[in-house]
Structures are given as C-alpha cells and as structure tokens.
Amino acid sequence: MRILGDKLKQIRKARGMSQAELAKGICTQATISLIEKKEQVPSTKILLEICKRLEITLDSVIVQEDDQLHVLLSRVQALLFTNEFKKST
C-alpha cells in the first residue's frame, strides 16, 4: 500500500485546513507533514481518522501494490531478469 501524499495535501488545502487543524486529536502536525511528503506511512487507525476528517474514502488516497500497472511491471521485470522477455514477444 502506498499513500498518495500529494493528493492528501490537495484535498486538505481544498478544505481550507492547515496541517495542524487536520492533525488535531489524531496525530501531530509533523506526522501530517511527513505523510504529505511521502516520508511516513501512518497506522491504519490514523489514516482512517484523517480520511474521516477530510470526508473522503480511504481508497481515494491509497494505491494498492497489486494494482494492474504494478502487476504488469512486475511480470515484465521477472521476464527480463530470467531472460525470457524475447520468448514472450
């Protein structure tokens, strides 16, 4: 799972909230900053509370690692690593 920190920041700003306002009672302002900079992945509990405060769904700010692009790139990487890519084209 990856957090879309940029998108989280856009939504927060669109709601007219500061990092401190979003964080109040959930976590620290520094935690919000780190999440937005993609330097920290919060606990599920914190992320759910942030989404609740922003009135958004969890899936609007996360990307599952098993999304289609990730699966495709993983397959290509595996084929290249095993020198099977030319055989598959």
PDB file of N, CA and C in Angstrom:
ATOM      1  N   MET A   1       0.842  -1.181   0.000  1.00  0.00           N
ATOM      2  CA  MET A   1       0.000   0.000   0.000  1.00  0.00           C
ATOM      3  C   MET A   1       0.888   1.245   0.000  1.00  0.00           C
ATOM      4  N   ARG A   2       0.526   2.205  -0.841  1.00  0.00           N
ATOM      5  CA  ARG A   2       1.219   3.481  -0.890  1.00  0.00           C
ATOM      6  C   ARG A   2       0.219   4.592  -0.608  1.00  0.00           C
ATOM      7  N   ILE A   3       0.664   5.577   0.138  1.00  0.00           N
ATOM      8  CA  ILE A   3      -0.169   6.734   0.427  1.00  0.00           C
ATOM      9  C   ILE A   3       0.118   7.806  -0.619  1.00  0.00           C
ATOM     10  N   LEU A   4      -0.926   8.384  -1.173  1.00  0.00           N
ATOM     11  CA  LEU A   4      -0.776   9.470  -2.141  1.00  0.00           C
ATOM     12  C   LEU A   4      -0.713  10.789  -1.379  1.00  0.00           C
ATOM     13  N   GLY A   5       0.475  11.106  -0.885  1.00  0.00           N
ATOM     14  CA  GLY A   5       0.675  12.292  -0.055  1.00  0.00           C
ATOM     15  C   GLY A   5       0.299  13.587  -0.747  1.00  0.00           C
ATOM     16  N   ASP A   6       0.635  13.692  -2.031  1.00  0.00           N
ATOM     17  CA  ASP A   6       0.296  14.905  -2.781  1.00  0.00           C
ATOM     18  C   ASP A   6      -1.218  15.098  -2.859  1.00  0.00           C
ATOM     19  N   LYS A   7      -1.917  14.007  -3.094  1.00  0.00           N
ATOM     20  CA  LYS A   7      -3.373  14.094  -3.191  1.00  0.00           C
ATOM     21  C   LYS A   7      -3.983  14.449  -1.843  1.00  0.00           C
ATOM     22  N   LEU A   8      -3.450  13.869  -0.782  1.00  0.00           N
ATOM     23  CA  LEU A   8      -3.918  14.184   0.558  1.00  0.00           C
ATOM     24  C   LEU A   8      -3.744  15.679   0.840  1.00  0.00           C
ATOM     25  N   LYS A   9      -2.608  16.225   0.447  1.00  0.00           N
ATOM     26  CA  LYS A   9      -2.335  17.646   0.641  1.00  0.00           C
ATOM     27  C   LYS A   9      -3.312  18.505  -0.162  1.00  0.00           C
ATOM     28  N   GLN A  10      -3.575  18.127  -1.412  1.00  0.00           N
ATOM     29  CA  GLN A  10      -4.514  18.865  -2.251  1.00  0.00           C
ATOM     30  C   GLN A  10      -5.904  18.904  -1.622  1.00  0.00           C
ATOM     31  N   ILE A  11      -6.343  17.763  -1.125  1.00  0.00           N
ATOM     32  CA  ILE A  11      -7.673  17.683  -0.508  1.00  0.00           C
ATOM     33  C   ILE A  11      -7.722  18.535   0.752  1.00  0.00           C
ATOM     34  N   ARG A  12      -6.679  18.439   1.578  1.00  0.00           N
ATOM     35  CA  ARG A  12      -6.626  19.229   2.813  1.00  0.00           C
ATOM     36  C   ARG A  12      -6.717  20.717   2.496  1.00  0.00           C
ATOM     37  N   LYS A  13      -5.936  21.160   1.522  1.00  0.00           N
ATOM     38  CA  LYS A  13      -5.941  22.580   1.154  1.00  0.00           C
ATOM     39  C   LYS A  13      -7.282  22.991   0.557  1.00  0.00           C
ATOM     40  N   ALA A  14      -7.898  22.119  -0.233  1.00  0.00           N
ATOM     41  CA  ALA A  14      -9.207  22.418  -0.823  1.00  0.00           C
ATOM     42  C   ALA A  14     -10.268  22.585   0.261  1.00  0.00           C
ATOM     43  N   ARG A  15     -10.071  21.903   1.391  1.00  0.00           N
ATOM     44  CA  ARG A  15     -10.996  22.011   2.525  1.00  0.00           C
ATOM     45  C   ARG A  15     -10.660  23.223   3.400  1.00  0.00           C
ATOM     46  N   GLY A  16      -9.579  23.927   3.057  1.00  0.00           N
ATOM     47  CA  GLY A  16      -9.177  25.107   3.818  1.00  0.00           C
ATOM     48  C   GLY A  16      -8.586  24.782   5.169  1.00  0.00           C
ATOM     49  N   MET A  17      -7.972  23.624   5.296  1.00  0.00           N
ATOM     50  CA  MET A  17      -7.402  23.190   6.574  1.00  0.00           C
ATOM     51  C   MET A  17      -5.891  23.319   6.571  1.00  0.00           C
ATOM     52  N   SER A  18      -5.374  23.687   7.724  1.00  0.00           N
ATOM     53  CA  SER A  18      -3.926  23.655   7.912  1.00  0.00           C
ATOM     54  C   SER A  18      -3.554  22.235   8.340  1.00  0.00           C
ATOM     55  N   GLN A  19      -2.277  21.938   8.306  1.00  0.00           N
ATOM     56  CA  GLN A  19      -1.826  20.632   8.786  1.00  0.00           C
ATOM     57  C   GLN A  19      -2.185  20.455  10.258  1.00  0.00           C
ATOM     58  N   ALA A  20      -2.043  21.517  11.032  1.00  0.00           N
ATOM     59  CA  ALA A  20      -2.350  21.449  12.468  1.00  0.00           C
ATOM     60  C   ALA A  20      -3.835  21.161  12.702  1.00  0.00           C
ATOM     61  N   GLU A  21      -4.699  21.795  11.906  1.00  0.00           N
ATOM     62  CA  GLU A  21      -6.145  21.563  12.051  1.00  0.00           C
ATOM     63  C   GLU A  21      -6.498  20.120  11.702  1.00  0.00           C
ATOM     64  N   LEU A  22      -5.894  19.604  10.642  1.00  0.00           N
ATOM     65  CA  LEU A  22      -6.161  18.218  10.262  1.00  0.00           C
ATOM     66  C   LEU A  22      -5.668  17.251  11.325  1.00  0.00           C
ATOM     67  N   ALA A  23      -4.526  17.553  11.910  1.00  0.00           N
ATOM     68  CA  ALA A  23      -3.900  16.658  12.882  1.00  0.00           C
ATOM     69  C   ALA A  23      -4.572  16.663  14.257  1.00  0.00           C
ATOM     70  N   LYS A  24      -5.242  17.744  14.610  1.00  0.00           N
ATOM     71  CA  LYS A  24      -5.760  17.923  15.968  1.00  0.00           C
ATOM     72  C   LYS A  24      -6.554  16.717  16.460  1.00  0.00           C
ATOM     73  N   GLY A  25      -6.070  16.115  17.549  1.00  0.00           N
ATOM     74  CA  GLY A  25      -6.732  14.974  18.165  1.00  0.00           C
ATOM     75  C   GLY A  25      -6.475  13.647  17.469  1.00  0.00           C
ATOM     76  N   ILE A  26      -5.721  13.676  16.362  1.00  0.00           N
ATOM     77  CA  ILE A  26      -5.433  12.450  15.617  1.00  0.00           C
ATOM     78  C   ILE A  26      -3.959  12.083  15.731  1.00  0.00           C
ATOM     79  N   CYS A  27      -3.113  13.061  15.427  1.00  0.00           N
ATOM     80  CA  CYS A  27      -1.668  12.852  15.423  1.00  0.00           C
ATOM     81  C   CYS A  27      -1.015  14.229  15.540  1.00  0.00           C
ATOM     82  N   THR A  28       0.259  14.318  15.272  1.00  0.00           N
ATOM     83  CA  THR A  28       0.927  15.621  15.321  1.00  0.00           C
ATOM     84  C   THR A  28       0.924  16.274  13.938  1.00  0.00           C
ATOM     85  N   GLN A  29       1.135  17.566  13.932  1.00  0.00           N
ATOM     86  CA  GLN A  29       1.259  18.298  12.667  1.00  0.00           C
ATOM     87  C   GLN A  29       2.436  17.750  11.879  1.00  0.00           C
ATOM     88  N   ALA A  30       3.499  17.395  12.575  1.00  0.00           N
ATOM     89  CA  ALA A  30       4.686  16.851  11.915  1.00  0.00           C
ATOM     90  C   ALA A  30       4.364  15.547  11.190  1.00  0.00           C
ATOM     91  N   THR A  31       3.490  14.742  11.784  1.00  0.00           N
ATOM     92  CA  THR A  31       3.083  13.484  11.142  1.00  0.00           C
ATOM     93  C   THR A  31       2.361  13.772   9.836  1.00  0.00           C
ATOM     94  N   ILE A  32       1.456  14.741   9.842  1.00  0.00           N
ATOM     95  CA  ILE A  32       0.749  15.114   8.606  1.00  0.00           C
ATOM     96  C   ILE A  32       1.754  15.568   7.558  1.00  0.00           C
ATOM     97  N   SER A  33       2.720  16.377   7.961  1.00  0.00           N
ATOM     98  CA  SER A  33       3.743  16.858   7.043  1.00  0.00           C
ATOM     99  C   SER A  33       4.515  15.693   6.428  1.00  0.00           C
ATOM    100  N   LEU A  34       4.912  14.749   7.260  1.00  0.00           N
ATOM    101  CA  LEU A  34       5.668  13.595   6.772  1.00  0.00           C
ATOM    102  C   LEU A  34       4.839  12.725   5.832  1.00  0.00           C
ATOM    103  N   ILE A  35       3.564  12.564   6.133  1.00  0.00           N
ATOM    104  CA  ILE A  35       2.678  11.780   5.261  1.00  0.00           C
ATOM    105  C   ILE A  35       2.565  12.466   3.902  1.00  0.00           C
ATOM    106  N   GLU A  36       2.367  13.761   3.915  1.00  0.00           N
ATOM    107  CA  GLU A  36       2.220  14.508   2.662  1.00  0.00           C
ATOM    108  C   GLU A  36       3.508  14.495   1.835  1.00  0.00           C
ATOM    109  N   LYS A  37       4.643  14.422   2.505  1.00  0.00           N
ATOM    110  CA  LYS A  37       5.932  14.368   1.806  1.00  0.00           C
ATOM    111  C   LYS A  37       6.326  12.937   1.447  1.00  0.00           C
ATOM    112  N   LYS A  38       5.454  11.988   1.758  1.00  0.00           N
ATOM    113  CA  LYS A  38       5.685  10.562   1.475  1.00  0.00           C
ATOM    114  C   LYS A  38       6.881  10.010   2.242  1.00  0.00           C
ATOM    115  N   GLU A  39       7.146  10.555   3.414  1.00  0.00           N
ATOM    116  CA  GLU A  39       8.263  10.105   4.231  1.00  0.00           C
ATOM    117  C   GLU A  39       7.806   9.217   5.392  1.00  0.00           C
ATOM    118  N   GLN A  40       6.497   9.088   5.553  1.00  0.00           N
ATOM    119  CA  GLN A  40       5.975   8.265   6.635  1.00  0.00           C
ATOM    120  C   GLN A  40       4.647   7.664   6.212  1.00  0.00           C
ATOM    121  N   VAL A  41       4.467   6.390   6.526  1.00  0.00           N
ATOM    122  CA  VAL A  41       3.187   5.730   6.311  1.00  0.00           C
ATOM    123  C   VAL A  41       2.519   5.622   7.680  1.00  0.00           C
ATOM    124  N   PRO A  42       1.358   6.243   7.832  1.00  0.00           N
ATOM    125  CA  PRO A  42       0.698   6.229   9.139  1.00  0.00           C
ATOM    126  C   PRO A  42       0.054   4.882   9.430  1.00  0.00           C
ATOM    127  N   SER A  43      -0.310   4.692  10.672  1.00  0.00           N
ATOM    128  CA  SER A  43      -1.062   3.488  11.022  1.00  0.00           C
ATOM    129  C   SER A  43      -2.428   3.560  10.346  1.00  0.00           C
ATOM    130  N   THR A  44      -3.062   2.440  10.216  1.00  0.00           N
ATOM    131  CA  THR A  44      -4.397   2.388   9.604  1.00  0.00           C
ATOM    132  C   THR A  44      -5.366   3.247  10.397  1.00  0.00           C
ATOM    133  N   LYS A  45      -5.263   3.211  11.716  1.00  0.00           N
ATOM    134  CA  LYS A  45      -6.160   3.996  12.565  1.00  0.00           C
ATOM    135  C   LYS A  45      -6.020   5.485  12.272  1.00  0.00           C
ATOM    136  N   ILE A  46      -4.786   5.973  12.197  1.00  0.00           N
ATOM    137  CA  ILE A  46      -4.551   7.391  11.923  1.00  0.00           C
ATOM    138  C   ILE A  46      -5.050   7.747  10.534  1.00  0.00           C
ATOM    139  N   LEU A  47      -4.749   6.923   9.562  1.00  0.00           N
ATOM    140  CA  LEU A  47      -5.177   7.203   8.193  1.00  0.00           C
ATOM    141  C   LEU A  47      -6.700   7.240   8.084  1.00  0.00           C
ATOM    142  N   LEU A  48      -7.377   6.338   8.757  1.00  0.00           N
ATOM    143  CA  LEU A  48      -8.846   6.334   8.740  1.00  0.00           C
ATOM    144  C   LEU A  48      -9.410   7.603   9.379  1.00  0.00           C
ATOM    145  N   GLU A  49      -8.806   8.049  10.466  1.00  0.00           N
ATOM    146  CA  GLU A  49      -9.258   9.278  11.122  1.00  0.00           C
ATOM    147  C   GLU A  49      -9.026  10.506  10.241  1.00  0.00           C
ATOM    148  N   ILE A  50      -7.892  10.525   9.562  1.00  0.00           N
ATOM    149  CA  ILE A  50      -7.605  11.635   8.642  1.00  0.00           C
ATOM    150  C   ILE A  50      -8.658  11.663   7.528  1.00  0.00           C
ATOM    151  N   CYS A  51      -8.931  10.505   6.954  1.00  0.00           N
ATOM    152  CA  CYS A  51      -9.934  10.420   5.876  1.00  0.00           C
ATOM    153  C   CYS A  51     -11.313  10.836   6.378  1.00  0.00           C
ATOM    154  N   LYS A  52     -11.646  10.435   7.586  1.00  0.00           N
ATOM    155  CA  LYS A  52     -12.939  10.812   8.161  1.00  0.00           C
ATOM    156  C   LYS A  52     -13.038  12.329   8.307  1.00  0.00           C
ATOM    157  N   ARG A  53     -11.981  12.940   8.816  1.00  0.00           N
ATOM    158  CA  ARG A  53     -11.983  14.390   8.996  1.00  0.00           C
ATOM    159  C   ARG A  53     -12.072  15.121   7.655  1.00  0.00           C
ATOM    160  N   LEU A  54     -11.434  14.571   6.630  1.00  0.00           N
ATOM    161  CA  LEU A  54     -11.465  15.197   5.301  1.00  0.00           C
ATOM    162  C   LEU A  54     -12.721  14.821   4.505  1.00  0.00           C
ATOM    163  N   GLU A  55     -13.506  13.918   5.075  1.00  0.00           N
ATOM    164  CA  GLU A  55     -14.730  13.436   4.423  1.00  0.00           C
ATOM    165  C   GLU A  55     -14.440  12.796   3.069  1.00  0.00           C
ATOM    166  N   ILE A  56     -13.444  11.918   3.075  1.00  0.00           N
ATOM    167  CA  ILE A  56     -13.078  11.168   1.873  1.00  0.00           C
ATOM    168  C   ILE A  56     -12.981   9.691   2.215  1.00  0.00           C
ATOM    169  N   THR A  57     -12.974   8.858   1.199  1.00  0.00           N
ATOM    170  CA  THR A  57     -12.802   7.428   1.426  1.00  0.00           C
ATOM    171  C   THR A  57     -11.316   7.092   1.424  1.00  0.00           C
ATOM    172  N   LEU A  58     -10.993   6.029   2.086  1.00  0.00           N
ATOM    173  CA  LEU A  58      -9.606   5.581   2.183  1.00  0.00           C
ATOM    174  C   LEU A  58      -9.008   5.316   0.801  1.00  0.00           C
ATOM    175  N   ASP A  59      -9.786   4.724  -0.072  1.00  0.00           N
ATOM    176  CA  ASP A  59      -9.247   4.375  -1.397  1.00  0.00           C
ATOM    177  C   ASP A  59      -8.944   5.581  -2.275  1.00  0.00           C
ATOM    178  N   SER A  60      -9.354   6.770  -1.859  1.00  0.00           N
ATOM    179  CA  SER A  60      -9.033   7.955  -2.645  1.00  0.00           C
ATOM    180  C   SER A  60      -7.611   8.458  -2.395  1.00  0.00           C
ATOM    181  N   VAL A  61      -6.948   7.969  -1.350  1.00  0.00           N
ATOM    182  CA  VAL A  61      -5.582   8.421  -1.056  1.00  0.00           C
ATOM    183  C   VAL A  61      -4.573   7.281  -0.917  1.00  0.00           C
ATOM    184  N   ILE A  62      -4.958   6.075  -1.306  1.00  0.00           N
ATOM    185  CA  ILE A  62      -4.009   4.964  -1.278  1.00  0.00           C
ATOM    186  C   ILE A  62      -4.002   4.262  -2.629  1.00  0.00           C
ATOM    187  N   VAL A  63      -2.910   3.594  -2.904  1.00  0.00           N
ATOM    188  CA  VAL A  63      -2.781   2.756  -4.087  1.00  0.00           C
ATOM    189  C   VAL A  63      -2.336   1.396  -3.596  1.00  0.00           C
ATOM    190  N   GLN A  64      -3.069   0.392  -3.966  1.00  0.00           N
ATOM    191  CA  GLN A  64      -2.687  -0.968  -3.608  1.00  0.00           C
ATOM    192  C   GLN A  64      -1.508  -1.394  -4.464  1.00  0.00           C
ATOM    193  N   GLU A  65      -0.573  -2.071  -3.881  1.00  0.00           N
ATOM    194  CA  GLU A  65       0.599  -2.516  -4.622  1.00  0.00           C
ATOM    195  C   GLU A  65       0.247  -3.556  -5.678  1.00  0.00           C
ATOM    196  N   ASP A  66      -0.919  -4.147  -5.571  1.00  0.00           N
ATOM    197  CA  ASP A  66      -1.307  -5.156  -6.556  1.00  0.00           C
ATOM    198  C   ASP A  66      -2.201  -4.576  -7.648  1.00  0.00           C
ATOM    199  N   ASP A  67      -2.133  -3.241  -7.834  1.00  0.00           N
ATOM    200  CA  ASP A  67      -2.911  -2.653  -8.908  1.00  0.00           C
ATOM    201  C   ASP A  67      -2.381  -3.174 -10.250  1.00  0.00           C
ATOM    202  N   GLN A  68      -3.141  -2.996 -11.304  1.00  0.00           N
ATOM    203  CA  GLN A  68      -2.825  -3.609 -12.586  1.00  0.00           C
ATOM    204  C   GLN A  68      -1.460  -3.205 -13.135  1.00  0.00           C
ATOM    205  N   LEU A  69      -1.112  -1.934 -13.042  1.00  0.00           N
ATOM    206  CA  LEU A  69       0.176  -1.482 -13.550  1.00  0.00           C
ATOM    207  C   LEU A  69       1.322  -2.146 -12.793  1.00  0.00           C
ATOM    208  N   HIS A  70       1.188  -2.209 -11.486  1.00  0.00           N
ATOM    209  CA  HIS A  70       2.232  -2.833 -10.671  1.00  0.00           C
ATOM    210  C   HIS A  70       2.389  -4.305 -11.042  1.00  0.00           C
ATOM    211  N   VAL A  71       1.277  -5.008 -11.234  1.00  0.00           N
ATOM    212  CA  VAL A  71       1.317  -6.427 -11.606  1.00  0.00           C
ATOM    213  C   VAL A  71       2.010  -6.588 -12.952  1.00  0.00           C
ATOM    214  N   LEU A  72       1.639  -5.766 -13.934  1.00  0.00           N
ATOM    215  CA  LEU A  72       2.238  -5.851 -15.259  1.00  0.00           C
ATOM    216  C   LEU A  72       3.735  -5.580 -15.225  1.00  0.00           C
ATOM    217  N   LEU A  73       4.137  -4.518 -14.527  1.00  0.00           N
ATOM    218  CA  LEU A  73       5.557  -4.194 -14.443  1.00  0.00           C
ATOM    219  C   LEU A  73       6.345  -5.275 -13.712  1.00  0.00           C
ATOM    220  N   SER A  74       5.752  -5.885 -12.724  1.00  0.00           N
ATOM    221  CA  SER A  74       6.415  -6.979 -12.004  1.00  0.00           C
ATOM    222  C   SER A  74       6.636  -8.170 -12.918  1.00  0.00           C
ATOM    223  N   ARG A  75       5.650  -8.458 -13.769  1.00  0.00           N
ATOM    224  CA  ARG A  75       5.793  -9.570 -14.730  1.00  0.00           C
ATOM    225  C   ARG A  75       6.898  -9.283 -15.741  1.00  0.00           C
ATOM    226  N   VAL A  76       6.927  -8.057 -16.275  1.00  0.00           N
ATOM    227  CA  VAL A  76       7.961  -7.680 -17.238  1.00  0.00           C
ATOM    228  C   VAL A  76       9.332  -7.763 -16.587  1.00  0.00           C
ATOM    229  N   GLN A  77       9.444  -7.268 -15.372  1.00  0.00           N
ATOM    230  CA  GLN A  77      10.716  -7.315 -14.657  1.00  0.00           C
ATOM    231  C   GLN A  77      11.165  -8.763 -14.460  1.00  0.00           C
ATOM    232  N   ALA A  78      10.241  -9.631 -14.088  1.00  0.00           N
ATOM    233  CA  ALA A  78      10.587 -11.037 -13.889  1.00  0.00           C
ATOM    234  C   ALA A  78      11.052 -11.674 -15.191  1.00  0.00           C
ATOM    235  N   LEU A  79      10.383 -11.360 -16.304  1.00  0.00           N
ATOM    236  CA  LEU A  79      10.785 -11.901 -17.606  1.00  0.00           C
ATOM    237  C   LEU A  79      12.162 -11.399 -18.016  1.00  0.00           C
ATOM    238  N   LEU A  80      12.420 -10.117 -17.789  1.00  0.00           N
ATOM    239  CA  LEU A  80      13.727  -9.562 -18.128  1.00  0.00           C
ATOM    240  C   LEU A  80      14.827 -10.189 -17.280  1.00  0.00           C
ATOM    241  N   PHE A  81      14.522 -10.376 -16.024  1.00  0.00           N
ATOM    242  CA  PHE A  81      15.510 -10.934 -15.098  1.00  0.00           C
ATOM    243  C   PHE A  81      15.889 -12.359 -15.496  1.00  0.00           C
ATOM    244  N   THR A  82      14.928 -13.101 -16.002  1.00  0.00           N
ATOM    245  CA  THR A  82      15.184 -14.501 -16.366  1.00  0.00           C
ATOM    246  C   THR A  82      15.480 -14.671 -17.848  1.00  0.00           C
ATOM    247  N   ASN A  83      15.691 -13.561 -18.563  1.00  0.00           N
ATOM    248  CA  ASN A  83      15.973 -13.584 -19.998  1.00  0.00           C
ATOM    249  C   ASN A  83      14.893 -14.270 -20.804  1.00  0.00           C
ATOM    250  N   GLU A  84      13.659 -14.227 -20.343  1.00  0.00           N
ATOM    251  CA  GLU A  84      12.537 -14.837 -21.043  1.00  0.00           C
ATOM    252  C   GLU A  84      11.734 -13.815 -21.829  1.00  0.00           C
ATOM    253  N   PHE A  85      12.098 -12.534 -21.754  1.00  0.00           N
ATOM    254  CA  PHE A  85      11.287 -11.478 -22.375  1.00  0.00           C
ATOM    255  C   PHE A  85      11.187 -11.670 -23.889  1.00  0.00           C
ATOM    256  N   LYS A  86      12.296 -11.967 -24.583  1.00  0.00           N
ATOM    257  CA  LYS A  86      12.270 -12.150 -26.030  1.00  0.00           C
ATOM    258  C   LYS A  86      11.381 -13.327 -26.426  1.00  0.00           C
ATOM    259  N   LYS A  87      11.340 -14.342 -25.602  1.00  0.00           N
ATOM    260  CA  LYS A  87      10.493 -15.503 -25.887  1.00  0.00           C
ATOM    261  C   LYS A  87       9.024 -15.169 -25.765  1.00  0.00           C
ATOM    262  N   SER A  88       8.678 -14.181 -24.938  1.00  0.00           N
ATOM    263  CA  SER A  88       7.266 -13.861 -24.699  1.00  0.00           C
ATOM    264  C   SER A  88       6.707 -12.878 -25.705  1.00  0.00           C
ATOM    265  N   THR A  89       7.549 -12.263 -26.531  1.00  0.00           N
ATOM    266  CA  THR A  89       7.038 -11.278 -27.506  1.00  0.00           C
ATOM    267  C   THR A  89       6.828 -11.875 -28.874  1.00  0.00           C
TER     268      THR A  89
END
